[in-house]
Amino acid sequence: MPREVRLPQLGQTMEEGTIISCLVKVGDEVQKGDVIFEIETDKATLEMESPADGFVKHILVETDQTLPVGAPVLVLGEKDEKVPQSFVDSLKSAAPAAAVAEAAPAAPAAEPIKPEPSPPAAGKVMASPRAKKLAGELGVDLATVAGTGPAGKITEQDVRNAAAAKPAAPAEVKLGATIPLSRIQKITAERMLRSKREIPCFYLTVRADVTDLVALRTKLNETSDVRISYNDFIIKAVATGLEKYPIMTGQLAGDTIRLAEAINIGLAISVPGGPAAPALIKPAYGGLVAPILKDVNKKDVKQIARDSKALIEKARSNKLAPTDLEGGCITVSNLGALGIDNFIPIVVPGQCSILGIGRITDTCVPDSGKEPASREPNILVRKLMNMTLSVDHKVANGAYAAQFLDFVRRVLEDTK
């Protein structure tokens, strides 16, 4: 009996996905668990596995096609089984079913005919996301590369071989050019617009004296087996603050505020641009993701540093899983490394707040110690850092959020 395979829900918030590549062709034998498609969701590029054993009888989708969860994507059957065209047509015309984890059996209709492989659409290039990313970095035109992967798919090694054989110049970017957006960049734009429309925010800014923290970080990194960043200290301080001020983890649910079950904190990470972005501007024109560090309040700074490093590596190699992007209650976004003193970040939908971190600057401040009335106060050079908190006013009021932010500031200043 032919069995349809439908697009599963690969994440809690996934509603649709885009076919990045098909790793099988008609006639191929697949085993349960074999990767058959690469799917791009609103958060990451993921591998879709076959839910059953069988032979590929018909492929119902094309590369770059966007489908809702539950839409049929492929038909499996026995080796010599003929699939009725009426069965295939019924799948194409039917509304998407609910998200399924396994292929559902269906009875064949009359007048079976032998399906033919679907030819690739004109101008389409079959390549894995990592191969596309590498091609952009190396300036390789994928249209000139012969793929050696399944169904002629271009692999990373194919790109490396092409680059070694004939290095290509990076794309030239000029004023007036039109730069296509990746799907993730489009979704980010949509969600940020939704945030500005639906989340009434207020903004609080404080300056933290992190002189002692800078000295501590330098000392710890001399002997630590993992490099600790300023973000790791900030994330730990935020987690401690959320324990004391739990409403900052909440979301409005009808007439109630539903608090988070765990303290999970998002870390905003810039990633290289998608395949559509010209090579010259990819480092600066990449996308933005905010994977989640889980149960941060239960970890020390070194463990947070290890987890952050792993997430950053996964994000920049396009290997984030749906679970890496779900369950956050606040996000930390640090632009200090880019020379930014202060900025107002946009709250991620589904979270209560986001903390924007500016650069650490050497600043002259008066000595707060007690001085005789006859003496002029000393001027000290201290390391100060601006922090701006954007808060959903539906969840927290100004006084409560101010106490939370002040507490985070004091934790950072008391770090020794």
Protein backbone atom coordinates (compact mmCIF):
# COMPACT_ATOMS: atom_id res chain seq x y z
CA MET A 1 0.00 0.00 0.00
CA PRO A 2 1.33 3.48 -0.76
CA ARG A 3 2.04 5.64 2.26
CA GLU A 4 2.11 9.41 2.21
CA VAL A 5 4.75 11.27 4.16
CA ARG A 6 3.67 14.66 5.48
CA LEU A 7 5.63 17.66 6.70
CA PRO A 8 5.94 17.21 10.47
CA GLN A 9 5.96 19.95 13.06
CA LEU A 10 9.67 20.20 13.81
CA GLY A 11 9.24 22.78 16.56
CA GLN A 12 6.53 23.97 18.94
CA THR A 13 5.93 27.20 17.02
CA MET A 14 6.47 25.87 13.51
CA GLU A 15 3.51 26.51 11.19
CA GLU A 16 5.20 26.08 7.82
CA GLY A 17 8.53 25.16 6.29
CA THR A 18 10.49 25.71 3.10
CA ILE A 19 12.04 22.81 1.19
CA ILE A 20 15.75 23.62 1.00
CA SER A 21 16.76 20.37 -0.65
CA CYS A 22 15.48 16.87 -1.35
CA LEU A 23 18.04 14.17 -0.56
CA VAL A 24 16.28 11.31 -2.34
CA LYS A 25 14.94 10.60 -5.80
CA VAL A 26 12.15 8.42 -7.14
CA GLY A 27 13.13 4.77 -6.88
CA ASP A 28 15.47 5.19 -3.90
CA GLU A 29 15.07 2.86 -0.94
CA VAL A 30 14.90 4.60 2.42
CA GLN A 31 14.94 3.32 5.96
CA LYS A 32 13.07 4.79 8.89
CA GLY A 33 15.22 7.62 10.25
CA ASP A 34 17.02 8.38 6.98
CA VAL A 35 17.21 12.11 6.19
CA ILE A 36 15.03 12.81 3.17
CA PHE A 37 14.62 16.61 3.17
CA GLU A 38 16.30 19.70 4.56
CA ILE A 39 13.61 22.07 5.83
CA GLU A 40 14.02 25.74 6.70
CA THR A 41 11.63 26.95 9.40
CA ASP A 42 11.25 30.42 10.85
CA LYS A 43 14.08 29.65 13.26
CA ALA A 44 16.56 27.21 11.72
CA THR A 45 17.34 24.75 8.94
CA LEU A 46 16.47 21.23 10.08
CA GLU A 47 16.70 17.70 8.73
CA MET A 48 13.46 15.81 8.10
CA GLU A 49 13.71 12.06 8.58
CA SER A 50 11.70 9.35 6.91
CA PRO A 51 9.01 8.05 9.29
CA ALA A 52 8.97 4.59 7.69
CA ASP A 53 10.84 2.11 5.48
CA GLY A 54 10.03 1.93 1.80
CA PHE A 55 10.85 3.00 -1.74
CA VAL A 56 10.30 6.53 -2.95
CA LYS A 57 7.40 6.34 -5.41
CA HIS A 58 6.63 10.02 -5.89
CA ILE A 59 8.03 13.38 -4.71
CA LEU A 60 5.26 15.93 -4.29
CA VAL A 61 7.30 19.08 -3.61
CA GLU A 62 10.01 21.19 -5.20
CA THR A 63 13.05 22.99 -3.84
CA ASP A 64 12.23 26.44 -2.39
CA GLN A 65 8.54 25.54 -2.04
CA THR A 66 6.95 26.69 1.24
CA LEU A 67 4.35 24.37 2.76
CA PRO A 68 2.16 24.32 5.88
CA VAL A 69 2.72 21.69 8.53
CA GLY A 70 0.84 18.52 7.57
CA ALA A 71 1.20 18.98 3.81
CA PRO A 72 2.10 15.80 1.86
CA VAL A 73 5.68 15.83 0.59
CA LEU A 74 6.44 12.30 -0.59
CA VAL A 75 4.90 8.88 -1.27
CA LEU A 76 6.50 5.61 -0.15
CA GLY A 77 5.62 2.13 -1.32
CA GLU A 78 6.91 -1.38 -1.93
CA LYS A 79 9.69 -1.90 -4.48
CA ASP A 80 7.51 -3.06 -7.40
CA GLU A 81 4.33 -1.32 -6.29
CA LYS A 82 2.61 0.99 -8.75
CA VAL A 83 0.96 4.03 -7.23
CA PRO A 84 -2.32 5.17 -8.83
CA GLN A 85 -2.15 8.68 -10.26
CA SER A 86 -5.52 9.38 -8.72
CA PHE A 87 -3.97 8.75 -5.29
CA VAL A 88 -1.18 11.22 -6.03
CA ASP A 89 -3.67 13.79 -7.34
CA SER A 90 -5.81 13.42 -4.24
CA LEU A 91 -2.81 14.22 -2.05
CA LYS A 92 -1.94 17.32 -4.06
CA SER A 93 -5.48 18.66 -3.92
CA ALA A 94 -6.29 17.76 -0.30
CA ALA A 95 -5.98 20.25 2.54
CA PRO A 96 -2.98 19.73 4.88
CA ALA A 97 -3.56 17.20 7.63
CA ALA A 98 -2.60 17.78 11.24
CA ALA A 99 1.10 17.46 11.97
CA VAL A 100 2.07 13.79 11.95
CA ALA A 101 5.18 11.96 13.03
CA GLU A 102 4.67 8.87 10.86
CA ALA A 103 3.38 8.24 7.37
CA ALA A 104 -0.25 7.21 7.28
CA PRO A 105 -1.36 4.31 5.05
CA ALA A 106 -3.93 4.98 2.37
CA ALA A 107 -5.90 2.70 0.08
CA PRO A 108 -4.91 2.83 -3.61
CA ALA A 109 -7.40 3.90 -6.23
CA ALA A 110 -7.95 2.39 -9.66
CA GLU A 111 -5.96 2.82 -12.87
CA PRO A 112 -2.45 2.82 -11.45
CA ILE A 113 0.34 4.28 -13.53
CA LYS A 114 4.05 4.32 -13.01
CA PRO A 115 5.21 7.66 -11.59
CA GLU A 116 8.06 9.50 -13.27
CA PRO A 117 10.73 11.42 -11.39
CA SER A 118 9.95 15.11 -11.06
CA PRO A 119 12.53 17.10 -13.02
CA PRO A 120 14.21 19.93 -11.14
CA ALA A 121 12.69 23.32 -11.75
CA ALA A 122 14.55 25.48 -14.24
CA GLY A 123 17.25 27.56 -12.65
CA LYS A 124 17.10 25.65 -9.35
CA VAL A 125 20.37 24.60 -7.70
CA MET A 126 20.38 21.53 -5.47
CA ALA A 127 22.79 22.24 -2.61
CA SER A 128 22.85 21.77 1.13
CA PRO A 129 22.54 24.92 3.28
CA ARG A 130 26.13 24.50 4.44
CA ALA A 131 27.31 24.16 0.84
CA LYS A 132 25.43 27.35 -0.07
CA LYS A 133 26.94 29.18 2.87
CA LEU A 134 30.45 28.00 1.97
CA ALA A 135 29.92 28.95 -1.68
CA GLY A 136 29.06 32.49 -0.64
CA GLU A 137 32.14 32.71 1.58
CA LEU A 138 34.45 31.38 -1.14
CA GLY A 139 32.79 33.27 -4.00
CA VAL A 140 31.79 30.10 -5.89
CA ASP A 141 28.90 30.23 -8.37
CA LEU A 142 26.81 27.14 -7.55
CA ALA A 143 25.41 27.12 -11.08
CA THR A 144 28.88 26.08 -12.31
CA VAL A 145 29.37 23.27 -9.77
CA ALA A 146 28.59 19.62 -10.53
CA GLY A 147 27.04 17.93 -7.50
CA THR A 148 28.18 14.49 -6.36
CA GLY A 149 25.62 14.04 -3.58
CA PRO A 150 22.27 12.19 -3.72
CA ALA A 151 20.16 13.23 -6.71
CA GLY A 152 23.03 15.43 -7.94
CA LYS A 153 23.01 17.57 -4.81
CA ILE A 154 26.02 19.86 -4.33
CA THR A 155 28.00 19.07 -1.18
CA GLU A 156 30.48 21.14 0.82
CA GLN A 157 33.35 19.14 -0.71
CA ASP A 158 32.05 19.92 -4.22
CA VAL A 159 32.21 23.62 -3.35
CA ARG A 160 35.72 23.30 -1.93
CA ASN A 161 36.88 21.45 -5.04
CA ALA A 162 35.39 24.12 -7.29
CA ALA A 163 37.02 26.89 -5.26
CA ALA A 164 40.40 25.18 -5.43
CA ALA A 165 40.12 24.59 -9.17
CA LYS A 166 39.07 28.11 -10.10
CA PRO A 167 38.73 30.68 -7.34
CA ALA A 168 35.95 33.13 -8.06
CA ALA A 169 35.94 36.79 -7.14
CA PRO A 170 33.41 37.81 -4.48
CA ALA A 171 30.26 39.53 -5.65
CA GLU A 172 30.60 43.30 -6.08
CA VAL A 173 28.21 45.41 -4.06
CA LYS A 174 27.31 48.89 -5.30
CA LEU A 175 24.99 51.62 -4.13
CA GLY A 176 21.52 51.14 -5.50
CA ALA A 177 21.78 47.35 -5.44
CA THR A 178 18.82 45.20 -4.34
CA ILE A 179 19.75 42.61 -1.72
CA PRO A 180 17.41 39.62 -1.29
CA LEU A 181 16.46 38.61 2.24
CA SER A 182 16.71 35.08 3.56
CA ARG A 183 13.59 33.48 4.98
CA ILE A 184 14.88 33.92 8.53
CA GLN A 185 15.47 37.62 7.92
CA LYS A 186 11.92 37.98 6.61
CA ILE A 187 10.47 36.21 9.63
CA THR A 188 12.58 38.36 11.96
CA ALA A 189 11.18 41.49 10.31
CA GLU A 190 7.62 40.21 10.68
CA ARG A 191 8.09 39.34 14.36
CA MET A 192 9.71 42.63 15.21
CA LEU A 193 6.83 44.47 13.54
CA ARG A 194 4.42 42.34 15.56
CA SER A 195 6.35 43.22 18.71
CA LYS A 196 6.09 46.96 18.05
CA ARG A 197 2.36 46.64 17.34
CA GLU A 198 1.34 44.33 20.18
CA ILE A 199 3.79 44.94 23.02
CA PRO A 200 3.46 48.33 24.76
CA CYS A 201 6.98 48.89 26.04
CA PHE A 202 8.69 51.25 28.40
CA TYR A 203 12.43 51.63 28.67
CA LEU A 204 14.83 51.91 31.62
CA THR A 205 18.55 52.72 31.47
CA VAL A 206 21.23 52.45 34.15
CA ARG A 207 25.02 52.62 34.22
CA ALA A 208 26.88 49.86 36.02
CA ASP A 209 30.39 50.27 37.41
CA VAL A 210 32.01 47.02 36.24
CA THR A 211 35.60 47.87 37.17
CA ASP A 212 35.87 44.95 39.59
CA LEU A 213 34.08 42.62 37.17
CA VAL A 214 36.60 43.42 34.41
CA ALA A 215 39.47 42.63 36.77
CA LEU A 216 37.81 39.37 37.89
CA ARG A 217 37.19 38.24 34.30
CA THR A 218 40.84 38.88 33.41
CA LYS A 219 42.01 36.89 36.44
CA LEU A 220 39.64 33.95 35.80
CA ASN A 221 40.58 33.68 32.14
CA GLU A 222 44.24 33.23 33.08
CA THR A 223 43.49 29.76 34.46
CA SER A 224 40.00 28.84 33.19
CA ASP A 225 39.58 25.94 30.75
CA VAL A 226 36.89 27.96 28.94
CA ARG A 227 37.07 31.64 28.00
CA ILE A 228 34.52 33.62 30.00
CA SER A 229 32.88 36.59 28.31
CA TYR A 230 31.16 39.61 29.82
CA ASN A 231 27.88 38.19 28.54
CA ASP A 232 28.32 35.17 30.80
CA PHE A 233 28.49 37.38 33.90
CA ILE A 234 25.55 39.47 32.67
CA ILE A 235 23.41 36.40 31.97
CA LYS A 236 24.16 35.01 35.42
CA ALA A 237 23.24 38.33 37.04
CA VAL A 238 19.99 38.47 35.05
CA ALA A 239 19.12 34.91 36.12
CA THR A 240 19.71 35.85 39.76
CA GLY A 241 17.47 38.89 39.27
CA LEU A 242 14.69 36.80 37.73
CA GLU A 243 14.69 34.55 40.79
CA LYS A 244 14.12 37.59 43.04
CA TYR A 245 11.66 39.30 40.65
CA PRO A 246 9.80 36.39 38.98
CA ILE A 247 7.08 38.54 37.36
CA MET A 248 9.78 39.52 34.85
CA THR A 249 9.48 35.97 33.47
CA GLY A 250 5.72 36.29 32.88
CA GLN A 251 3.35 36.48 29.94
CA LEU A 252 -0.21 37.79 29.91
CA ALA A 253 -2.72 34.92 29.67
CA GLY A 254 -6.27 36.25 29.71
CA ASP A 255 -6.85 37.79 33.12
CA THR A 256 -3.70 36.27 34.60
CA ILE A 257 0.07 36.49 34.28
CA ARG A 258 1.62 33.10 33.60
CA LEU A 259 5.15 32.85 35.01
CA ALA A 260 7.84 30.78 33.35
CA GLU A 261 8.51 27.33 34.75
CA ALA A 262 12.27 27.71 34.34
CA ILE A 263 14.73 30.56 33.98
CA ASN A 264 15.82 30.31 30.36
CA ILE A 265 17.62 33.27 28.83
CA GLY A 266 18.07 34.08 25.14
CA LEU A 267 21.41 35.33 23.80
CA ALA A 268 21.22 37.43 20.64
CA ILE A 269 23.81 36.16 18.12
CA SER A 270 24.63 37.57 14.70
CA VAL A 271 25.07 34.91 12.03
CA PRO A 272 26.42 35.13 8.47
CA GLY A 273 23.97 36.08 5.73
CA GLY A 274 22.05 33.46 3.78
CA PRO A 275 22.94 32.16 0.33
CA ALA A 276 21.23 35.14 -1.31
CA ALA A 277 23.48 37.70 0.35
CA PRO A 278 26.50 38.86 -1.68
CA ALA A 279 29.79 37.55 -0.33
CA LEU A 280 31.29 40.98 0.39
CA ILE A 281 28.55 42.00 2.79
CA LYS A 282 27.77 38.69 4.46
CA PRO A 283 29.78 39.30 7.63
CA ALA A 284 27.87 42.52 8.36
CA TYR A 285 24.56 41.71 6.70
CA GLY A 286 23.86 38.41 8.38
CA GLY A 287 20.78 37.36 10.23
CA LEU A 288 20.08 37.43 13.95
CA VAL A 289 19.06 34.50 16.13
CA ALA A 290 18.57 34.25 19.89
CA PRO A 291 19.09 30.65 21.09
CA ILE A 292 18.15 29.87 24.66
CA LEU A 293 20.41 29.04 27.59
CA LYS A 294 18.39 26.70 29.82
CA ASP A 295 18.13 26.72 33.63
CA VAL A 296 20.72 29.48 33.92
CA ASN A 297 20.03 30.10 37.60
CA LYS A 298 21.29 26.59 38.40
CA LYS A 299 24.69 27.09 36.71
CA ASP A 300 27.88 28.93 37.56
CA VAL A 301 29.58 31.39 35.22
CA LYS A 302 31.96 28.78 33.78
CA GLN A 303 29.12 26.43 32.84
CA ILE A 304 27.21 29.34 31.31
CA ALA A 305 30.34 30.14 29.29
CA ARG A 306 30.53 26.55 28.02
CA ASP A 307 26.85 26.50 27.09
CA SER A 308 27.09 29.92 25.41
CA LYS A 309 30.09 28.85 23.35
CA ALA A 310 28.28 25.70 22.19
CA LEU A 311 25.19 27.68 21.19
CA ILE A 312 27.22 30.27 19.31
CA GLU A 313 29.03 27.55 17.37
CA LYS A 314 25.74 25.84 16.54
CA ALA A 315 24.14 29.11 15.47
CA ARG A 316 26.99 30.12 13.17
CA SER A 317 27.20 26.66 11.59
CA ASN A 318 23.41 26.56 11.09
CA LYS A 319 22.93 23.57 13.38
CA LEU A 320 20.44 24.94 15.92
CA ALA A 321 17.58 22.61 16.83
CA PRO A 322 14.03 23.84 17.59
CA THR A 323 14.61 23.16 21.30
CA ASP A 324 17.53 25.60 21.21
CA LEU A 325 15.15 28.42 20.30
CA GLU A 326 12.17 27.83 22.57
CA GLY A 327 11.25 28.64 26.15
CA GLY A 328 13.05 31.93 26.79
CA CYS A 329 11.66 34.55 29.18
CA ILE A 330 14.19 37.34 28.51
CA THR A 331 16.96 38.02 25.98
CA VAL A 332 20.36 39.65 26.39
CA SER A 333 21.66 41.60 23.38
CA ASN A 334 25.19 43.03 23.59
CA LEU A 335 26.44 45.53 20.98
CA GLY A 336 29.36 46.74 23.06
CA ALA A 337 31.90 44.98 20.84
CA LEU A 338 30.66 47.15 17.96
CA GLY A 339 31.38 50.36 19.82
CA ILE A 340 27.75 51.09 20.76
CA ASP A 341 27.30 53.01 24.02
CA ASN A 342 23.54 52.61 24.36
CA PHE A 343 20.58 51.29 22.34
CA ILE A 344 16.92 50.34 22.78
CA PRO A 345 16.31 46.67 21.86
CA ILE A 346 12.95 45.25 20.72
CA VAL A 347 11.25 42.67 22.94
CA VAL A 348 11.02 39.20 21.42
CA PRO A 349 7.35 38.14 21.13
CA GLY A 350 6.57 35.61 23.86
CA GLN A 351 9.01 37.19 26.32
CA CYS A 352 8.56 39.96 28.89
CA SER A 353 11.73 41.95 28.29
CA ILE A 354 15.09 42.30 26.59
CA LEU A 355 18.29 43.79 28.01
CA GLY A 356 20.53 45.83 25.72
CA ILE A 357 24.19 46.08 26.70
CA GLY A 358 26.52 48.86 25.58
CA ARG A 359 30.32 48.98 25.52
CA ILE A 360 32.47 49.33 28.64
CA THR A 361 34.12 52.76 28.72
CA ASP A 362 36.76 54.34 30.93
CA THR A 363 34.96 57.22 32.65
CA CYS A 364 36.12 59.87 35.12
CA VAL A 365 33.98 59.86 38.28
CA PRO A 366 34.39 61.59 41.65
CA ASP A 367 35.72 59.48 44.50
CA SER A 368 32.77 58.42 46.63
CA GLY A 369 34.95 57.97 49.70
CA LYS A 370 34.71 60.39 52.62
CA GLU A 371 37.05 63.34 52.24
CA PRO A 372 37.82 66.20 54.66
CA ALA A 373 35.79 69.29 53.84
CA SER A 374 38.94 71.23 53.04
CA ARG A 375 40.12 68.84 50.35
CA GLU A 376 38.99 68.63 46.73
CA PRO A 377 37.40 65.26 45.86
CA ASN A 378 39.60 62.82 43.96
CA ILE A 379 38.75 61.92 40.39
CA LEU A 380 38.85 58.23 39.62
CA VAL A 381 38.82 56.43 36.29
CA ARG A 382 36.20 53.67 36.42
CA LYS A 383 34.85 51.24 33.86
CA LEU A 384 31.15 51.96 33.25
CA MET A 385 28.62 50.11 31.12
CA ASN A 386 25.15 51.23 30.01
CA MET A 387 22.24 48.77 30.23
CA THR A 388 18.81 49.46 28.72
CA LEU A 389 15.83 47.28 29.60
CA SER A 390 12.80 47.16 27.29
CA VAL A 391 9.75 45.87 29.19
CA ASP A 392 6.25 44.72 28.24
CA HIS A 393 4.00 47.03 30.25
CA LYS A 394 1.16 44.48 30.05
CA VAL A 395 3.20 42.26 32.37
CA ALA A 396 5.37 44.45 34.60
CA ASN A 397 5.02 48.01 35.85
CA GLY A 398 7.78 50.58 35.93
CA ALA A 399 8.59 50.33 39.64
CA TYR A 400 8.90 46.54 39.60
CA ALA A 401 11.05 46.50 36.46
CA ALA A 402 13.23 49.29 37.87
CA GLN A 403 13.88 47.26 41.01
CA PHE A 404 14.81 44.26 38.86
CA LEU A 405 17.24 46.27 36.72
CA ASP A 406 18.80 47.95 39.74
CA PHE A 407 19.27 44.54 41.36
CA VAL A 408 21.04 43.23 38.23
CA ARG A 409 23.27 46.32 38.27
CA ARG A 410 24.19 45.75 41.91
CA VAL A 411 24.98 42.08 41.30
CA LEU A 412 27.39 43.05 38.51
CA GLU A 413 28.99 45.78 40.60
CA ASP A 414 29.42 43.46 43.60
CA THR A 415 31.07 40.73 41.52
CA LYS A 416 34.57 40.26 42.94
